Amino acid sequence: MLRWTVIFLIIAIVAAVLGFTGIASGAAAAAKIVFYIFIVIFLISLIFGRTKGRV
């Protein structure tokens, strides 16, 4: 999941350097969405990992 965030970030940077603002903003938006999904999944696994050890 984090790999997709990095890929979209690189696409956004390359597109911004080349001046394709529409493509850059689209790739940056996709990178943000994937990053937030990654954070949520990480927090959920962290919480369930702690509770599983105490059972």
C-alpha atoms as a PDB file:
ATOM      1  CA  MET A   1       0.000   0.000   0.000  1.00  0.00           C
ATOM      2  CA  LEU A   2       2.825   2.358   0.842  1.00  0.00           C
ATOM      3  CA  ARG A   3       4.429   1.441  -2.472  1.00  0.00           C
ATOM      4  CA  TRP A   4       1.399   2.840  -4.336  1.00  0.00           C
ATOM      5  CA  THR A   5       1.687   6.084  -2.393  1.00  0.00           C
ATOM      6  CA  VAL A   6       5.308   6.473  -3.422  1.00  0.00           C
ATOM      7  CA  ILE A   7       4.505   5.629  -7.051  1.00  0.00           C
ATOM      8  CA  PHE A   8       1.717   8.219  -7.220  1.00  0.00           C
ATOM      9  CA  LEU A   9       3.969  10.776  -5.520  1.00  0.00           C
ATOM     10  CA  ILE A  10       6.707  10.244  -8.107  1.00  0.00           C
ATOM     11  CA  ILE A  11       4.164  10.530 -10.931  1.00  0.00           C
ATOM     12  CA  ALA A  12       2.877  13.771  -9.424  1.00  0.00           C
ATOM     13  CA  ILE A  13       6.369  15.234  -9.124  1.00  0.00           C
ATOM     14  CA  VAL A  14       7.341  14.287 -12.674  1.00  0.00           C
ATOM     15  CA  ALA A  15       4.075  15.643 -14.048  1.00  0.00           C
ATOM     16  CA  ALA A  16       4.504  18.877 -12.095  1.00  0.00           C
ATOM     17  CA  VAL A  17       8.021  19.348 -13.453  1.00  0.00           C
ATOM     18  CA  LEU A  18       6.761  18.806 -16.989  1.00  0.00           C
ATOM     19  CA  GLY A  19       3.919  21.254 -16.442  1.00  0.00           C
ATOM     20  CA  PHE A  20       0.952  18.914 -16.684  1.00  0.00           C
ATOM     21  CA  THR A  21      -1.016  20.408 -13.813  1.00  0.00           C
ATOM     22  CA  GLY A  22      -4.117  18.259 -14.317  1.00  0.00           C
ATOM     23  CA  ILE A  23      -2.137  15.035 -14.231  1.00  0.00           C
ATOM     24  CA  ALA A  24      -0.048  16.235 -11.283  1.00  0.00           C
ATOM     25  CA  SER A  25      -3.071  17.149  -9.186  1.00  0.00           C
ATOM     26  CA  GLY A  26      -4.788  13.864 -10.031  1.00  0.00           C
ATOM     27  CA  ALA A  27      -1.752  11.793  -9.063  1.00  0.00           C
ATOM     28  CA  ALA A  28      -1.263  13.812  -5.872  1.00  0.00           C
ATOM     29  CA  ALA A  29      -4.903  13.292  -4.906  1.00  0.00           C
ATOM     30  CA  ALA A  30      -4.600   9.550  -5.507  1.00  0.00           C
ATOM     31  CA  ALA A  31      -1.420   9.455  -3.409  1.00  0.00           C
ATOM     32  CA  LYS A  32      -3.195  11.204  -0.537  1.00  0.00           C
ATOM     33  CA  ILE A  33      -6.109   8.785  -0.614  1.00  0.00           C
ATOM     34  CA  VAL A  34      -3.864   5.712  -0.668  1.00  0.00           C
ATOM     35  CA  PHE A  35      -1.736   7.174   2.138  1.00  0.00           C
ATOM     36  CA  TYR A  36      -4.746   7.757   4.385  1.00  0.00           C
ATOM     37  CA  ILE A  37      -6.029   4.248   3.714  1.00  0.00           C
ATOM     38  CA  PHE A  38      -2.589   2.920   4.651  1.00  0.00           C
ATOM     39  CA  ILE A  39      -2.625   4.876   7.929  1.00  0.00           C
ATOM     40  CA  VAL A  40      -6.099   3.567   8.848  1.00  0.00           C
ATOM     41  CA  ILE A  41      -5.144  -0.047   8.109  1.00  0.00           C
ATOM     42  CA  PHE A  42      -1.932   0.380  10.096  1.00  0.00           C
ATOM     43  CA  LEU A  43      -3.796   1.720  13.127  1.00  0.00           C
ATOM     44  CA  ILE A  44      -6.377  -1.058  12.969  1.00  0.00           C
ATOM     45  CA  SER A  45      -3.665  -3.726  12.807  1.00  0.00           C
ATOM     46  CA  LEU A  46      -1.823  -2.043  15.673  1.00  0.00           C
ATOM     47  CA  ILE A  47      -4.932  -2.052  17.871  1.00  0.00           C
ATOM     48  CA  PHE A  48      -5.861  -5.647  17.067  1.00  0.00           C
ATOM     49  CA  GLY A  49      -2.264  -6.757  17.538  1.00  0.00           C
ATOM     50  CA  ARG A  50      -2.234  -5.385  21.081  1.00  0.00           C
ATOM     51  CA  THR A  51      -5.571  -6.902  22.039  1.00  0.00           C
ATOM     52  CA  LYS A  52      -4.678 -10.297  20.569  1.00  0.00           C
ATOM     53  CA  GLY A  53      -1.617 -10.621  22.801  1.00  0.00           C
ATOM     54  CA  ARG A  54      -3.647 -10.116  25.991  1.00  0.00           C
ATOM     55  CA  VAL A  55      -6.207 -12.866  25.355  1.00  0.00           C
END
